[in-house]
Structures are given as C-alpha cells and as structure tokens.
C-alpha cells in the first residue's frame, strides 16, 4: 500500500530508474502521467528536479535532496503500514544499524546484546559499511541509526553524540614499542605498516601527519578490513593503526588486548588525529520508532562510557 503522494511516488520511481518510460512500466501507468506529475512537482517547488538527456534523466542537486526526503518518507510509511496491519507496536519492530568496521567489532554487537536482554522481541540488522555510506543510509531512511567516524561538521543528520577518537598502534606482544606510554609518528613509521586505503578518515589524517613531519611512508599492506591487519601484526609483519573505541576498552594493565590475543596497543601522539570524531547519527525530520530511540540512547551511553574508560 502506497502512502506517498502520487507526484512524490512518481518522482521516486523516475529517480530510481533514470527514465520516464521505465518508471511508467514499473508503475503500470502511462508515461504522460509520469511526466505530468513530475512537471507539476517541479512547478510547485519552483526548481528543476531532473536534468533531461537524450538517454534518460539525472537528478539535479535539488532533486537529490528531495530524493533523500522521499526515501525517508517511504521507509516510515512502510513501517507504519506494517505496524497497523499486524496490530503490533513499535516495540516489536526491527532496528537497522549502519556502522563502520571499528564499531562493529565490539561496541555495536555488545549494545545489541544488552538491549535484547531487556527487549527480546526487538530484532536487529547491522550493516558494516564505509563511514560516508553509514551516514547516507540514515539520511535516506535505510538505517535507523549510524555509528561512524567523521571529520568536519555534519549537516544532513542529527548528531546524538560526538567524541574525539585517538589512535593507537597495534603491535605484537613483546615488541620493543609495547609497554610505551605513547609514541610519535616517527617511532611508528620506523616499522613496516598496515594501513587503510587512501580516502578513509584514519588514512587521510595519517598522511597529513606524515607530510607535516616530513616522513615518506610506503605501506607494507593496504587493507580496509581490520581482521587481516590484526593477523599481519600477530604474524610479525609489522604494525597497524586502530581507533581506541571498541578496541582498547578491554586492555589489561600491561597494554595487552584481553579480547584479541597476541597484540598490544600503544597510543600514537599527534594532534592531527584529534580532528576525527566518533558519532552516533540519526535522521532529521523523521519519527523514529520507540525501539530505535531507546537503542540510540544505549549507543550514546556506550560510546561515552568506552571513551571515558
């Protein structure tokens, strides 16, 4: 059942297919009806929503913003219809979480387990994605909440919590740097390194810091997944970097990771890493379910607790 206004529903289908003809086929209506409704929508808003091309249509900047709104509205409408049909309240619905990998190791799954102990009828879907993708999913209504790293202000989401995330080196147990209170970039770069790919927030900041220090680095391993980086370190291949949230909370007194045997952590001291934040993000202008609201509050508390520990 469709609760969206007709012109918004037609706009959404054209945006998905990139073609009036394809949208008309998908909706089983005449192409002229699609064209009229899109034109009426553009006229009412006062700006073009699509750029017309011989082989299709692409969204303008205004169209992209409206698309995000339409997707949020569609998701909320679908949820509401399901709740009305089943007669079940918001407590029984699922919660969709988008997070970057560092938070998927411990912070998010532990929060899910804690939440389900009190509310076992709530199911979760956790998608581990890139940091920008996590934010996009919340903006477009594909996720109820995101936990991700960011740099700079966020305008399209509500930031429920933001904390600065330091960085630590992952080193093998018994390594000569293990047990140090902190190290600098020069100390770190004296060893082979496993780094994330350029474009990730941690790698961007690392490259800036290295450039400021006049250090040239050729990584021994480039990989965006944490598991291979940890195994690289355990096997004696070199060192790696990790944010301390969700990873350093279980350190023993000697710096040993009691949850992941075979490594130790050493804080990396450089001001460039203070530019990165861990954020819990939700959508603006959308009614969250009760379960999503309560789980968001739990995530915020968990993030602040882990950061202060």
C-alpha atoms as a PDB file:
ATOM      1  CA  UNK A   1       0.000   0.000   0.000  1.00  0.00           C
ATOM      2  CA  UNK A   2       1.397   3.362  -1.028  1.00  0.00           C
ATOM      3  CA  UNK A   3       1.014   6.327   1.340  1.00  0.00           C
ATOM      4  CA  UNK A   4       3.216   8.720  -0.627  1.00  0.00           C
ATOM      5  CA  UNK A   5       1.523  11.488  -2.663  1.00  0.00           C
ATOM      6  CA  UNK A   6       1.242  10.473  -6.314  1.00  0.00           C
ATOM      7  CA  UNK A   7       3.667  13.084  -7.609  1.00  0.00           C
ATOM      8  CA  UNK A   8       6.280  12.100  -4.999  1.00  0.00           C
ATOM      9  CA  UNK A   9       5.824   8.392  -5.753  1.00  0.00           C
ATOM     10  CA  UNK A  10       6.270   9.036  -9.486  1.00  0.00           C
ATOM     11  CA  UNK A  11       9.314  11.234  -8.811  1.00  0.00           C
ATOM     12  CA  UNK A  12      10.839   8.467  -6.687  1.00  0.00           C
ATOM     13  CA  UNK A  13      10.416   5.871  -9.437  1.00  0.00           C
ATOM     14  CA  UNK A  14      11.928   8.135 -12.111  1.00  0.00           C
ATOM     15  CA  UNK A  15      14.873   8.792  -9.793  1.00  0.00           C
ATOM     16  CA  UNK A  16      15.331   5.035  -9.327  1.00  0.00           C
ATOM     17  CA  UNK A  17      15.127   4.126 -12.990  1.00  0.00           C
ATOM     18  CA  UNK A  18      16.511   7.276 -14.599  1.00  0.00           C
ATOM     19  CA  UNK A  19      13.749   7.162 -17.214  1.00  0.00           C
ATOM     20  CA  UNK A  20      10.099   8.202 -17.513  1.00  0.00           C
ATOM     21  CA  UNK A  21       9.447   5.187 -19.737  1.00  0.00           C
ATOM     22  CA  UNK A  22      10.989   2.730 -17.261  1.00  0.00           C
ATOM     23  CA  UNK A  23       9.164   4.358 -14.362  1.00  0.00           C
ATOM     24  CA  UNK A  24       5.853   4.138 -16.221  1.00  0.00           C
ATOM     25  CA  UNK A  25       6.479   0.449 -16.935  1.00  0.00           C
ATOM     26  CA  UNK A  26       7.296  -0.269 -13.289  1.00  0.00           C
ATOM     27  CA  UNK A  27       4.207   1.561 -12.047  1.00  0.00           C
ATOM     28  CA  UNK A  28       1.955   0.325 -14.864  1.00  0.00           C
ATOM     29  CA  UNK A  29       0.808   3.820 -15.828  1.00  0.00           C
ATOM     30  CA  UNK A  30       1.122   5.926 -18.972  1.00  0.00           C
ATOM     31  CA  UNK A  31       4.423   7.803 -19.464  1.00  0.00           C
ATOM     32  CA  UNK A  32       2.424  11.004 -19.976  1.00  0.00           C
ATOM     33  CA  UNK A  33       1.007  10.652 -16.463  1.00  0.00           C
ATOM     34  CA  UNK A  34       4.520  10.352 -15.055  1.00  0.00           C
ATOM     35  CA  UNK A  35       5.694  13.400 -16.992  1.00  0.00           C
ATOM     36  CA  UNK A  36       2.721  15.493 -15.849  1.00  0.00           C
ATOM     37  CA  UNK A  37       3.201  14.666 -12.188  1.00  0.00           C
ATOM     38  CA  UNK A  38       6.945  15.337 -12.261  1.00  0.00           C
ATOM     39  CA  UNK A  39       6.387  18.631 -14.086  1.00  0.00           C
ATOM     40  CA  UNK A  40       3.714  19.583 -11.547  1.00  0.00           C
ATOM     41  CA  UNK A  41       6.103  18.791  -8.698  1.00  0.00           C
ATOM     42  CA  UNK A  42       8.870  20.884 -10.262  1.00  0.00           C
ATOM     43  CA  UNK A  43       6.453  23.743 -10.864  1.00  0.00           C
ATOM     44  CA  UNK A  44       5.221  23.654  -7.291  1.00  0.00           C
ATOM     45  CA  UNK A  45       8.722  23.634  -5.828  1.00  0.00           C
ATOM     46  CA  UNK A  46       9.993  26.158  -8.346  1.00  0.00           C
ATOM     47  CA  UNK A  47      13.222  24.411  -9.357  1.00  0.00           C
ATOM     48  CA  UNK A  48      14.081  21.603 -11.813  1.00  0.00           C
ATOM     49  CA  UNK A  49      14.493  18.214 -10.170  1.00  0.00           C
ATOM     50  CA  UNK A  50      15.934  16.406 -13.193  1.00  0.00           C
ATOM     51  CA  UNK A  51      18.355  17.202 -15.964  1.00  0.00           C
ATOM     52  CA  UNK A  52      16.885  15.799 -19.183  1.00  0.00           C
ATOM     53  CA  UNK A  53      19.217  13.913 -21.518  1.00  0.00           C
ATOM     54  CA  UNK A  54      18.561  12.032 -24.778  1.00  0.00           C
ATOM     55  CA  UNK A  55      19.084   8.704 -22.980  1.00  0.00           C
ATOM     56  CA  UNK A  56      17.484   9.422 -19.632  1.00  0.00           C
ATOM     57  CA  UNK A  57      17.210  11.761 -16.693  1.00  0.00           C
ATOM     58  CA  UNK A  58      19.608  12.558 -13.855  1.00  0.00           C
ATOM     59  CA  UNK A  59      18.863  14.305 -10.604  1.00  0.00           C
ATOM     60  CA  UNK A  60      19.805  17.917 -10.029  1.00  0.00           C
ATOM     61  CA  UNK A  61      21.138  18.957  -6.617  1.00  0.00           C
ATOM     62  CA  UNK A  62      17.591  19.879  -5.589  1.00  0.00           C
ATOM     63  CA  UNK A  63      16.367  16.531  -6.893  1.00  0.00           C
ATOM     64  CA  UNK A  64      18.958  14.667  -4.834  1.00  0.00           C
ATOM     65  CA  UNK A  65      17.817  16.417  -1.683  1.00  0.00           C
ATOM     66  CA  UNK A  66      14.187  15.656  -2.437  1.00  0.00           C
ATOM     67  CA  UNK A  67      15.108  12.024  -3.135  1.00  0.00           C
ATOM     68  CA  UNK A  68      16.581  11.663   0.351  1.00  0.00           C
ATOM     69  CA  UNK A  69      13.355  13.075   1.810  1.00  0.00           C
ATOM     70  CA  UNK A  70      11.190  10.808  -0.349  1.00  0.00           C
ATOM     71  CA  UNK A  71      13.121   7.702   0.688  1.00  0.00           C
ATOM     72  CA  UNK A  72      12.813   8.600   4.372  1.00  0.00           C
ATOM     73  CA  UNK A  73       9.089   9.154   3.937  1.00  0.00           C
ATOM     74  CA  UNK A  74       8.688   5.887   2.032  1.00  0.00           C
ATOM     75  CA  UNK A  75      10.521   3.925   4.722  1.00  0.00           C
ATOM     76  CA  UNK A  76       8.479   5.470   7.526  1.00  0.00           C
ATOM     77  CA  UNK A  77       5.240   4.850   5.622  1.00  0.00           C
ATOM     78  CA  UNK A  78       6.109   1.196   5.044  1.00  0.00           C
ATOM     79  CA  UNK A  79       6.875   0.749   8.726  1.00  0.00           C
ATOM     80  CA  UNK A  80       3.641   2.424   9.787  1.00  0.00           C
ATOM     81  CA  UNK A  81       1.529   0.304   7.422  1.00  0.00           C
ATOM     82  CA  UNK A  82       3.156  -2.887   8.720  1.00  0.00           C
ATOM     83  CA  UNK A  83       2.526  -1.877  12.324  1.00  0.00           C
ATOM     84  CA  UNK A  84      -1.108  -1.062  11.540  1.00  0.00           C
ATOM     85  CA  UNK A  85      -1.638  -4.336   9.687  1.00  0.00           C
ATOM     86  CA  UNK A  86      -0.091  -6.543  12.344  1.00  0.00           C
ATOM     87  CA  UNK A  87      -1.500  -4.595  15.280  1.00  0.00           C
ATOM     88  CA  UNK A  88       1.927  -4.672  16.870  1.00  0.00           C
ATOM     89  CA  UNK A  89       3.520  -1.590  18.372  1.00  0.00           C
ATOM     90  CA  UNK A  90       6.857  -0.007  17.671  1.00  0.00           C
ATOM     91  CA  UNK A  91       8.470  -2.161  20.375  1.00  0.00           C
ATOM     92  CA  UNK A  92       8.203  -5.236  18.131  1.00  0.00           C
ATOM     93  CA  UNK A  93       9.814  -3.790  15.012  1.00  0.00           C
ATOM     94  CA  UNK A  94      13.413  -4.300  13.956  1.00  0.00           C
ATOM     95  CA  UNK A  95      16.197  -1.741  14.253  1.00  0.00           C
ATOM     96  CA  UNK A  96      18.601  -1.182  11.360  1.00  0.00           C
ATOM     97  CA  UNK A  97      22.102  -0.061  12.298  1.00  0.00           C
ATOM     98  CA  UNK A  98      24.813   1.123   9.894  1.00  0.00           C
ATOM     99  CA  UNK A  99      28.334   1.330  11.283  1.00  0.00           C
ATOM    100  CA  UNK A 100      31.930   1.423  10.185  1.00  0.00           C
ATOM    101  CA  UNK A 101      34.031  -1.620  10.969  1.00  0.00           C
ATOM    102  CA  UNK A 102      35.750  -0.368  14.106  1.00  0.00           C
ATOM    103  CA  UNK A 103      32.406  -0.130  15.881  1.00  0.00           C
ATOM    104  CA  UNK A 104      31.197  -3.488  14.560  1.00  0.00           C
ATOM    105  CA  UNK A 105      33.909  -5.385  16.431  1.00  0.00           C
ATOM    106  CA  UNK A 106      32.574  -4.755  19.918  1.00  0.00           C
ATOM    107  CA  UNK A 107      30.620  -1.574  20.603  1.00  0.00           C
ATOM    108  CA  UNK A 108      27.567  -2.241  18.421  1.00  0.00           C
ATOM    109  CA  UNK A 109      27.136  -6.017  18.973  1.00  0.00           C
ATOM    110  CA  UNK A 110      27.529  -5.571  22.726  1.00  0.00           C
ATOM    111  CA  UNK A 111      24.903  -2.822  22.700  1.00  0.00           C
ATOM    112  CA  UNK A 112      22.576  -5.102  20.706  1.00  0.00           C
ATOM    113  CA  UNK A 113      23.051  -7.918  23.220  1.00  0.00           C
ATOM    114  CA  UNK A 114      22.427  -5.564  26.158  1.00  0.00           C
ATOM    115  CA  UNK A 115      19.284  -4.166  24.529  1.00  0.00           C
ATOM    116  CA  UNK A 116      17.834  -7.572  23.693  1.00  0.00           C
ATOM    117  CA  UNK A 117      18.240  -8.764  27.274  1.00  0.00           C
ATOM    118  CA  UNK A 118      15.606  -6.190  28.224  1.00  0.00           C
ATOM    119  CA  UNK A 119      13.635  -6.300  24.940  1.00  0.00           C
ATOM    120  CA  UNK A 120      13.953  -9.777  23.369  1.00  0.00           C
ATOM    121  CA  UNK A 121      11.182  -9.082  20.832  1.00  0.00           C
ATOM    122  CA  UNK A 122      13.279  -6.462  19.011  1.00  0.00           C
ATOM    123  CA  UNK A 123      15.359  -7.790  16.090  1.00  0.00           C
ATOM    124  CA  UNK A 124      18.405  -6.044  14.636  1.00  0.00           C
ATOM    125  CA  UNK A 125      20.133  -5.742  11.290  1.00  0.00           C
ATOM    126  CA  UNK A 126      23.716  -4.446  11.413  1.00  0.00           C
ATOM    127  CA  UNK A 127      25.357  -3.396   8.144  1.00  0.00           C
ATOM    128  CA  UNK A 128      29.112  -2.787   8.235  1.00  0.00           C
ATOM    129  CA  UNK A 129      29.849  -0.119   5.633  1.00  0.00           C
ATOM    130  CA  UNK A 130      32.199   2.760   4.860  1.00  0.00           C
ATOM    131  CA  UNK A 131      31.842   5.851   7.047  1.00  0.00           C
ATOM    132  CA  UNK A 132      30.126   8.000   4.386  1.00  0.00           C
ATOM    133  CA  UNK A 133      27.803   5.136   3.472  1.00  0.00           C
ATOM    134  CA  UNK A 134      26.697   4.783   7.100  1.00  0.00           C
ATOM    135  CA  UNK A 135      25.644   8.442   7.146  1.00  0.00           C
ATOM    136  CA  UNK A 136      23.942   8.145   3.744  1.00  0.00           C
ATOM    137  CA  UNK A 137      21.836   5.229   4.919  1.00  0.00           C
ATOM    138  CA  UNK A 138      20.495   7.243   7.823  1.00  0.00           C
ATOM    139  CA  UNK A 139      19.791  10.258   5.602  1.00  0.00           C
ATOM    140  CA  UNK A 140      17.871   8.127   3.099  1.00  0.00           C
ATOM    141  CA  UNK A 141      15.966   6.144   5.700  1.00  0.00           C
ATOM    142  CA  UNK A 142      17.765   2.861   5.080  1.00  0.00           C
ATOM    143  CA  UNK A 143      19.070   2.751   8.656  1.00  0.00           C
ATOM    144  CA  UNK A 144      17.611   3.960  11.939  1.00  0.00           C
ATOM    145  CA  UNK A 145      20.960   4.907  13.433  1.00  0.00           C
ATOM    146  CA  UNK A 146      24.597   5.124  12.343  1.00  0.00           C
ATOM    147  CA  UNK A 147      27.784   4.818  14.371  1.00  0.00           C
ATOM    148  CA  UNK A 148      30.684   6.078  12.324  1.00  0.00           C
ATOM    149  CA  UNK A 149      33.821   8.179  12.151  1.00  0.00           C
ATOM    150  CA  UNK A 150      33.566  11.709  10.778  1.00  0.00           C
ATOM    151  CA  UNK A 151      35.718  14.717  10.065  1.00  0.00           C
ATOM    152  CA  UNK A 152      34.113  18.162   9.931  1.00  0.00           C
ATOM    153  CA  UNK A 153      30.533  19.263  10.629  1.00  0.00           C
ATOM    154  CA  UNK A 154      27.551  17.118   9.605  1.00  0.00           C
ATOM    155  CA  UNK A 155      24.524  18.918   8.172  1.00  0.00           C
ATOM    156  CA  UNK A 156      22.118  16.222   6.933  1.00  0.00           C
ATOM    157  CA  UNK A 157      21.817  14.186  10.132  1.00  0.00           C
ATOM    158  CA  UNK A 158      21.181  14.743  13.825  1.00  0.00           C
ATOM    159  CA  UNK A 159      24.375  14.076  15.784  1.00  0.00           C
ATOM    160  CA  UNK A 160      23.276  12.427  19.017  1.00  0.00           C
ATOM    161  CA  UNK A 161      26.810  12.113  20.370  1.00  0.00           C
ATOM    162  CA  UNK A 162      30.304  13.051  19.197  1.00  0.00           C
ATOM    163  CA  UNK A 163      33.610  12.211  20.866  1.00  0.00           C
ATOM    164  CA  UNK A 164      37.191  12.683  19.702  1.00  0.00           C
ATOM    165  CA  UNK A 165      38.837   9.404  18.776  1.00  0.00           C
ATOM    166  CA  UNK A 166      42.557   8.966  19.468  1.00  0.00           C
ATOM    167  CA  UNK A 167      44.564   6.417  17.534  1.00  0.00           C
ATOM    168  CA  UNK A 168      46.791   3.623  18.782  1.00  0.00           C
ATOM    169  CA  UNK A 169      49.395   1.410  17.174  1.00  0.00           C
ATOM    170  CA  UNK A 170      48.716  -2.336  17.173  1.00  0.00           C
ATOM    171  CA  UNK A 171      51.999  -4.093  17.968  1.00  0.00           C
ATOM    172  CA  UNK A 172      52.908  -7.743  18.616  1.00  0.00           C
ATOM    173  CA  UNK A 173      53.302  -8.823  22.224  1.00  0.00           C
ATOM    174  CA  UNK A 174      56.931  -8.483  23.240  1.00  0.00           C
ATOM    175  CA  UNK A 175      57.610  -5.809  20.604  1.00  0.00           C
ATOM    176  CA  UNK A 176      60.108  -3.161  21.677  1.00  0.00           C
ATOM    177  CA  UNK A 177      57.371  -0.485  21.486  1.00  0.00           C
ATOM    178  CA  UNK A 178      54.914  -2.492  23.616  1.00  0.00           C
ATOM    179  CA  UNK A 179      54.538  -1.018  27.068  1.00  0.00           C
ATOM    180  CA  UNK A 180      55.465   2.521  25.994  1.00  0.00           C
ATOM    181  CA  UNK A 181      53.111   5.216  27.290  1.00  0.00           C
ATOM    182  CA  UNK A 182      52.862   6.710  23.818  1.00  0.00           C
ATOM    183  CA  UNK A 183      54.814   7.001  20.576  1.00  0.00           C
ATOM    184  CA  UNK A 184      55.154   9.581  17.811  1.00  0.00           C
ATOM    185  CA  UNK A 185      54.684   9.123  14.089  1.00  0.00           C
ATOM    186  CA  UNK A 186      58.422   8.835  13.547  1.00  0.00           C
ATOM    187  CA  UNK A 187      58.561   5.915  16.005  1.00  0.00           C
ATOM    188  CA  UNK A 188      55.639   4.238  14.248  1.00  0.00           C
ATOM    189  CA  UNK A 189      56.960   4.736  10.736  1.00  0.00           C
ATOM    190  CA  UNK A 190      60.283   3.102  11.569  1.00  0.00           C
ATOM    191  CA  UNK A 191      58.489  -0.253  11.091  1.00  0.00           C
ATOM    192  CA  UNK A 192      56.525  -1.835   8.232  1.00  0.00           C
ATOM    193  CA  UNK A 193      52.931  -0.636   8.406  1.00  0.00           C
ATOM    194  CA  UNK A 194      49.492  -1.981   7.546  1.00  0.00           C
ATOM    195  CA  UNK A 195      47.260   0.971   6.694  1.00  0.00           C
ATOM    196  CA  UNK A 196      43.757   1.552   5.427  1.00  0.00           C
ATOM    197  CA  UNK A 197      43.365   2.773   1.854  1.00  0.00           C
ATOM    198  CA  UNK A 198      43.569   6.484   0.954  1.00  0.00           C
ATOM    199  CA  UNK A 199      40.208   8.165   1.414  1.00  0.00           C
ATOM    200  CA  UNK A 200      39.416   6.601   4.777  1.00  0.00           C
ATOM    201  CA  UNK A 201      39.427   9.081   7.658  1.00  0.00           C
ATOM    202  CA  UNK A 202      42.253   7.423   9.565  1.00  0.00           C
ATOM    203  CA  UNK A 203      44.467   7.184   6.467  1.00  0.00           C
ATOM    204  CA  UNK A 204      43.743  10.790   5.498  1.00  0.00           C
ATOM    205  CA  UNK A 205      44.862  12.014   8.907  1.00  0.00           C
ATOM    206  CA  UNK A 206      47.878   9.701   8.962  1.00  0.00           C
ATOM    207  CA  UNK A 207      49.030  11.020   5.559  1.00  0.00           C
ATOM    208  CA  UNK A 208      48.597  14.619   6.707  1.00  0.00           C
ATOM    209  CA  UNK A 209      50.584  13.942   9.862  1.00  0.00           C
ATOM    210  CA  UNK A 210      53.355  12.171   7.960  1.00  0.00           C
ATOM    211  CA  UNK A 211      53.561  15.055   5.496  1.00  0.00           C
ATOM    212  CA  UNK A 212      53.805  17.573   8.338  1.00  0.00           C
ATOM    213  CA  UNK A 213      56.612  15.530   9.874  1.00  0.00           C
ATOM    214  CA  UNK A 214      58.400  15.176   6.545  1.00  0.00           C
ATOM    215  CA  UNK A 215      58.076  11.383   6.639  1.00  0.00           C
ATOM    216  CA  UNK A 216      57.678   9.323   3.484  1.00  0.00           C
ATOM    217  CA  UNK A 217      55.753   6.116   4.048  1.00  0.00           C
ATOM    218  CA  UNK A 218      55.252   3.173   1.705  1.00  0.00           C
ATOM    219  CA  UNK A 219      52.819   0.822   3.456  1.00  0.00           C
ATOM    220  CA  UNK A 220      53.697  -2.856   3.551  1.00  0.00           C
ATOM    221  CA  UNK A 221      49.974  -3.722   3.472  1.00  0.00           C
ATOM    222  CA  UNK A 222      46.955  -1.684   2.385  1.00  0.00           C
ATOM    223  CA  UNK A 223      43.665  -3.159   3.564  1.00  0.00           C
ATOM    224  CA  UNK A 224      40.397  -1.643   4.809  1.00  0.00           C
ATOM    225  CA  UNK A 225      39.388  -4.687   6.846  1.00  0.00           C
ATOM    226  CA  UNK A 226      40.685  -4.953  10.395  1.00  0.00           C
ATOM    227  CA  UNK A 227      40.963  -8.736  10.604  1.00  0.00           C
ATOM    228  CA  UNK A 228      43.818  -9.049   8.058  1.00  0.00           C
ATOM    229  CA  UNK A 229      45.630  -6.146   9.716  1.00  0.00           C
ATOM    230  CA  UNK A 230      45.481  -7.862  13.101  1.00  0.00           C
ATOM    231  CA  UNK A 231      46.762 -11.120  11.615  1.00  0.00           C
ATOM    232  CA  UNK A 232      49.555  -9.226   9.829  1.00  0.00           C
ATOM    233  CA  UNK A 233      50.658  -7.802  13.191  1.00  0.00           C
ATOM    234  CA  UNK A 234      50.365 -11.140  15.035  1.00  0.00           C
ATOM    235  CA  UNK A 235      52.452 -12.833  12.341  1.00  0.00           C
ATOM    236  CA  UNK A 236      55.250 -10.305  12.845  1.00  0.00           C
ATOM    237  CA  UNK A 237      54.721  -8.478   9.557  1.00  0.00           C
ATOM    238  CA  UNK A 238      54.722  -5.043  11.135  1.00  0.00           C
ATOM    239  CA  UNK A 239      52.409  -2.604  12.912  1.00  0.00           C
ATOM    240  CA  UNK A 240      48.934  -1.241  12.247  1.00  0.00           C
ATOM    241  CA  UNK A 241      46.616   1.525  13.480  1.00  0.00           C
ATOM    242  CA  UNK A 242      43.232   1.395  15.162  1.00  0.00           C
ATOM    243  CA  UNK A 243      40.860   3.816  16.877  1.00  0.00           C
ATOM    244  CA  UNK A 244      40.623   3.181  20.600  1.00  0.00           C
ATOM    245  CA  UNK A 245      36.805   2.927  20.768  1.00  0.00           C
ATOM    246  CA  UNK A 246      35.588  -0.652  20.891  1.00  0.00           C
ATOM    247  CA  UNK A 247      39.142  -1.943  20.823  1.00  0.00           C
ATOM    248  CA  UNK A 248      41.098  -0.566  23.746  1.00  0.00           C
ATOM    249  CA  UNK A 249      38.338  -0.827  26.321  1.00  0.00           C
ATOM    250  CA  UNK A 250      39.422  -4.365  27.255  1.00  0.00           C
ATOM    251  CA  UNK A 251      43.103  -3.687  27.742  1.00  0.00           C
ATOM    252  CA  UNK A 252      44.846  -5.334  30.611  1.00  0.00           C
ATOM    253  CA  UNK A 253      47.199  -3.356  32.809  1.00  0.00           C
ATOM    254  CA  UNK A 254      50.160  -4.207  30.589  1.00  0.00           C
ATOM    255  CA  UNK A 255      48.534  -2.901  27.428  1.00  0.00           C
ATOM    256  CA  UNK A 256      47.573  -6.367  26.274  1.00  0.00           C
ATOM    257  CA  UNK A 257      44.242  -6.802  24.491  1.00  0.00           C
ATOM    258  CA  UNK A 258      42.414  -9.386  26.588  1.00  0.00           C
ATOM    259  CA  UNK A 259      39.868  -9.934  23.809  1.00  0.00           C
ATOM    260  CA  UNK A 260      42.284 -10.364  20.908  1.00  0.00           C
ATOM    261  CA  UNK A 261      45.322 -12.368  21.981  1.00  0.00           C
ATOM    262  CA  UNK A 262      48.720 -11.689  20.517  1.00  0.00           C
ATOM    263  CA  UNK A 263      48.737  -7.894  20.283  1.00  0.00           C
ATOM    264  CA  UNK A 264      49.291  -4.850  22.451  1.00  0.00           C
ATOM    265  CA  UNK A 265      48.260  -1.228  21.922  1.00  0.00           C
ATOM    266  CA  UNK A 266      50.374   1.908  22.179  1.00  0.00           C
ATOM    267  CA  UNK A 267      48.772   5.377  21.883  1.00  0.00           C
ATOM    268  CA  UNK A 268      50.050   7.418  18.942  1.00  0.00           C
ATOM    269  CA  UNK A 269      50.577  11.034  19.963  1.00  0.00           C
ATOM    270  CA  UNK A 270      49.955  13.525  17.163  1.00  0.00           C
ATOM    271  CA  UNK A 271      47.485  16.457  17.094  1.00  0.00           C
ATOM    272  CA  UNK A 272      46.264  15.573  13.614  1.00  0.00           C
ATOM    273  CA  UNK A 273      44.308  12.597  14.967  1.00  0.00           C
ATOM    274  CA  UNK A 274      42.234  14.899  17.184  1.00  0.00           C
ATOM    275  CA  UNK A 275      40.349  16.048  14.094  1.00  0.00           C
ATOM    276  CA  UNK A 276      38.382  12.792  13.925  1.00  0.00           C
ATOM    277  CA  UNK A 277      35.194  12.111  15.875  1.00  0.00           C
ATOM    278  CA  UNK A 278      33.098   9.058  16.561  1.00  0.00           C
ATOM    279  CA  UNK A 279      29.439   9.951  16.125  1.00  0.00           C
ATOM    280  CA  UNK A 280      26.045   8.408  16.726  1.00  0.00           C
ATOM    281  CA  UNK A 281      23.773   9.770  13.990  1.00  0.00           C
ATOM    282  CA  UNK A 282      20.023   9.703  13.421  1.00  0.00           C
ATOM    283  CA  UNK A 283      17.813  11.258  10.757  1.00  0.00           C
ATOM    284  CA  UNK A 284      16.369  14.739  10.948  1.00  0.00           C
ATOM    285  CA  UNK A 285      12.663  15.240  10.309  1.00  0.00           C
ATOM    286  CA  UNK A 286      11.689  11.582  10.730  1.00  0.00           C
ATOM    287  CA  UNK A 287       9.737   9.919  13.536  1.00  0.00           C
ATOM    288  CA  UNK A 288      11.884   7.130  14.964  1.00  0.00           C
ATOM    289  CA  UNK A 289      10.305   4.035  16.447  1.00  0.00           C
ATOM    290  CA  UNK A 290      10.358   3.533  20.187  1.00  0.00           C
ATOM    291  CA  UNK A 291      12.915   0.733  19.871  1.00  0.00           C
ATOM    292  CA  UNK A 292      15.196   2.811  17.638  1.00  0.00           C
ATOM    293  CA  UNK A 293      15.033   5.720  20.084  1.00  0.00           C
ATOM    294  CA  UNK A 294      15.848   3.536  23.070  1.00  0.00           C
ATOM    295  CA  UNK A 295      18.677   1.752  21.270  1.00  0.00           C
ATOM    296  CA  UNK A 296      20.156   5.077  20.167  1.00  0.00           C
ATOM    297  CA  UNK A 297      20.226   6.196  23.792  1.00  0.00           C
ATOM    298  CA  UNK A 298      22.030   2.980  24.708  1.00  0.00           C
ATOM    299  CA  UNK A 299      24.600   3.508  21.947  1.00  0.00           C
ATOM    300  CA  UNK A 300      25.251   7.064  23.118  1.00  0.00           C
ATOM    301  CA  UNK A 301      25.791   5.870  26.687  1.00  0.00           C
ATOM    302  CA  UNK A 302      28.077   3.062  25.492  1.00  0.00           C
ATOM    303  CA  UNK A 303      30.148   5.378  23.323  1.00  0.00           C
ATOM    304  CA  UNK A 304      30.634   7.904  26.105  1.00  0.00           C
ATOM    305  CA  UNK A 305      31.438   5.179  28.632  1.00  0.00           C
ATOM    306  CA  UNK A 306      34.016   3.491  26.382  1.00  0.00           C
ATOM    307  CA  UNK A 307      35.650   6.819  25.619  1.00  0.00           C
ATOM    308  CA  UNK A 308      35.951   7.813  29.265  1.00  0.00           C
ATOM    309  CA  UNK A 309      37.273   4.423  30.396  1.00  0.00           C
END
